[in-house]
Protein backbone atom coordinates (compact mmCIF):
# COMPACT_ATOMS: atom_id res chain seq x y z
CA UNK A 1 -59.64 30.17 178.54
CA UNK A 2 -56.33 30.87 180.30
CA UNK A 3 -55.60 34.38 181.49
CA UNK A 4 -53.14 36.21 179.24
CA UNK A 5 -49.82 37.15 180.86
CA UNK A 6 -49.33 40.93 181.18
CA UNK A 7 -45.91 41.93 179.85
CA UNK A 8 -44.31 45.38 179.72
CA UNK A 9 -41.84 46.04 176.92
CA UNK A 10 -39.44 48.92 177.63
CA UNK A 11 -37.31 50.04 174.72
CA UNK A 12 -36.72 52.06 171.58
CA UNK A 13 -39.78 52.09 169.34
CA UNK A 14 -38.89 52.46 165.68
CA UNK A 15 -40.70 52.67 162.39
CA UNK A 16 -39.51 50.21 159.76
CA UNK A 17 -40.12 51.70 156.31
CA UNK A 18 -39.83 49.42 153.29
CA UNK A 19 -39.62 50.82 149.77
CA UNK A 20 -40.34 47.97 147.35
CA UNK A 21 -39.37 48.20 143.72
CA UNK A 22 -37.59 46.69 140.78
CA UNK A 23 -34.26 47.39 139.18
CA UNK A 24 -33.91 47.22 135.44
CA UNK A 25 -30.95 49.50 134.80
CA UNK A 26 -27.87 51.21 136.20
CA UNK A 27 -27.71 54.98 136.61
CA UNK A 28 -25.67 56.85 133.96
CA UNK A 29 -24.50 59.29 136.70
CA UNK A 30 -22.87 56.69 138.97
CA UNK A 31 -22.53 52.89 139.10
CA UNK A 32 -25.69 52.41 141.18
CA UNK A 33 -29.01 50.69 140.60
CA UNK A 34 -32.05 52.73 139.58
CA UNK A 35 -35.02 51.42 141.56
CA UNK A 36 -38.53 51.98 140.25
CA UNK A 37 -40.80 52.18 143.32
CA UNK A 38 -43.84 49.90 143.26
CA UNK A 39 -44.97 50.03 146.89
CA UNK A 40 -44.12 51.37 150.36
CA UNK A 41 -44.97 49.73 153.68
CA UNK A 42 -44.52 50.68 157.34
CA UNK A 43 -44.22 48.29 160.28
CA UNK A 44 -43.17 48.54 163.90
CA UNK A 45 -39.47 48.02 164.50
CA UNK A 46 -37.14 47.82 167.49
CA UNK A 47 -39.19 47.34 170.67
CA UNK A 48 -42.30 47.37 168.45
CA UNK A 49 -41.11 44.14 166.84
CA UNK A 50 -40.89 42.57 170.32
CA UNK A 51 -44.44 43.80 171.01
CA UNK A 52 -45.74 42.14 167.83
CA UNK A 53 -43.97 38.86 168.63
CA UNK A 54 -45.35 38.75 172.19
CA UNK A 55 -48.86 39.48 170.92
CA UNK A 56 -48.55 36.60 168.46
CA UNK A 57 -47.78 34.34 171.44
CA UNK A 58 -50.98 35.48 173.15
CA UNK A 59 -49.53 37.89 175.72
CA UNK A 60 -51.27 41.04 176.95
CA UNK A 61 -48.63 43.63 176.05
CA UNK A 62 -47.96 47.25 176.98
CA UNK A 63 -44.98 49.33 175.94
CA UNK A 64 -42.98 52.13 177.58
CA UNK A 65 -40.85 54.37 175.40
CA UNK A 66 -40.10 57.92 174.29
CA UNK A 67 -41.07 59.11 170.81
CA UNK A 68 -40.43 62.33 168.98
CA UNK A 69 -43.14 64.89 168.36
CA UNK A 70 -43.23 64.12 164.63
CA UNK A 71 -45.08 62.22 161.91
CA UNK A 72 -43.07 59.04 162.50
CA UNK A 73 -44.03 59.11 166.19
CA UNK A 74 -47.69 59.50 165.24
CA UNK A 75 -47.43 56.61 162.77
CA UNK A 76 -45.83 54.39 165.44
CA UNK A 77 -48.73 55.17 167.79
CA UNK A 78 -51.20 54.38 164.98
CA UNK A 79 -49.51 51.02 164.36
CA UNK A 80 -49.70 50.21 168.09
CA UNK A 81 -53.38 51.20 168.16
CA UNK A 82 -54.05 48.83 165.23
CA UNK A 83 -52.71 46.06 167.49
CA UNK A 84 -54.83 47.29 170.45
CA UNK A 85 -51.70 48.21 172.42
CA UNK A 86 -52.27 51.17 174.73
CA UNK A 87 -49.84 54.09 174.63
CA UNK A 88 -50.25 55.48 178.17
CA UNK A 89 -46.61 54.65 179.00
CA UNK A 90 -45.26 56.31 175.86
CA UNK A 91 -43.93 59.83 176.30
CA UNK A 92 -43.60 62.38 173.50
CA UNK A 93 -40.54 64.62 173.59
CA UNK A 94 -40.72 67.91 171.71
CA UNK A 95 -37.84 68.43 169.30
CA UNK A 96 -36.87 64.76 169.30
CA UNK A 97 -36.81 62.75 166.09
CA UNK A 98 -38.48 59.34 166.14
CA UNK A 99 -36.35 56.55 164.68
CA UNK A 100 -37.06 55.43 161.13
CA UNK A 101 -35.17 52.62 159.41
CA UNK A 102 -35.85 52.80 155.66
CA UNK A 103 -34.90 49.87 153.47
CA UNK A 104 -34.91 50.02 149.71
CA UNK A 105 -35.75 46.61 148.30
CA UNK A 106 -35.22 45.86 144.61
CA UNK A 107 -36.12 42.51 143.08
CA UNK A 108 -36.39 40.92 146.57
CA UNK A 109 -32.92 42.14 147.60
CA UNK A 110 -32.13 44.87 150.12
CA UNK A 111 -30.16 47.52 148.24
CA UNK A 112 -29.53 49.99 151.06
CA UNK A 113 -30.79 51.02 154.50
CA UNK A 114 -31.20 54.65 155.49
CA UNK A 115 -31.43 55.53 159.20
CA UNK A 116 -33.06 58.64 160.63
CA UNK A 117 -32.75 58.77 164.42
CA UNK A 118 -31.86 60.82 167.47
CA UNK A 119 -28.73 59.69 169.27
CA UNK A 120 -28.84 62.43 171.90
CA UNK A 121 -29.83 61.97 175.54
CA UNK A 122 -33.53 61.48 176.19
CA UNK A 123 -34.65 64.54 178.15
CA UNK A 124 -37.68 62.68 179.53
CA UNK A 125 -35.63 59.71 180.81
CA UNK A 126 -36.34 60.38 184.51
CA UNK A 127 -40.06 60.82 183.80
CA UNK A 128 -40.15 57.54 181.85
CA UNK A 129 -38.33 55.64 184.62
CA UNK A 130 -40.76 57.03 187.21
CA UNK A 131 -43.77 56.06 185.08
CA UNK A 132 -42.44 52.52 184.64
CA UNK A 133 -41.78 52.16 188.39
CA UNK A 134 -45.29 53.40 189.22
CA UNK A 135 -46.87 50.82 186.88
CA UNK A 136 -44.52 47.86 187.34
CA UNK A 137 -46.81 46.05 189.80
CA UNK A 138 -49.40 45.72 186.99
CA UNK A 139 -47.16 43.37 184.99
CA UNK A 140 -45.83 39.82 185.41
CA UNK A 141 -42.81 40.36 183.18
């Protein structure tokens, strides 16, 4: 068996949140759809999507990123663990909000997307860059 290529993904990890439902009426309060929720799912988004794609191609993948100290950050780490991706190059920043992209899907159509994210400077940027530099020799790409 060929040795799997070790690849480091550096980027913004996000949580993609899908709210699946059906629309059978319009709201009497405003001309908008009323969506009855049937199911909710969470997947990795942003750099996490790249991680999933590389894994599907057979690569040995690690990821470097900064997450918030919140439930979304914990869920992102859980999703990475389910894929056997280590999180030793992921930093957690207190007070930061992890990115969540929520999509409301009704009758197989995206109705709206709601973003929750921090757009402020990453306080741990220098620490992340140092960690990546220290570990770069362990990766082929």
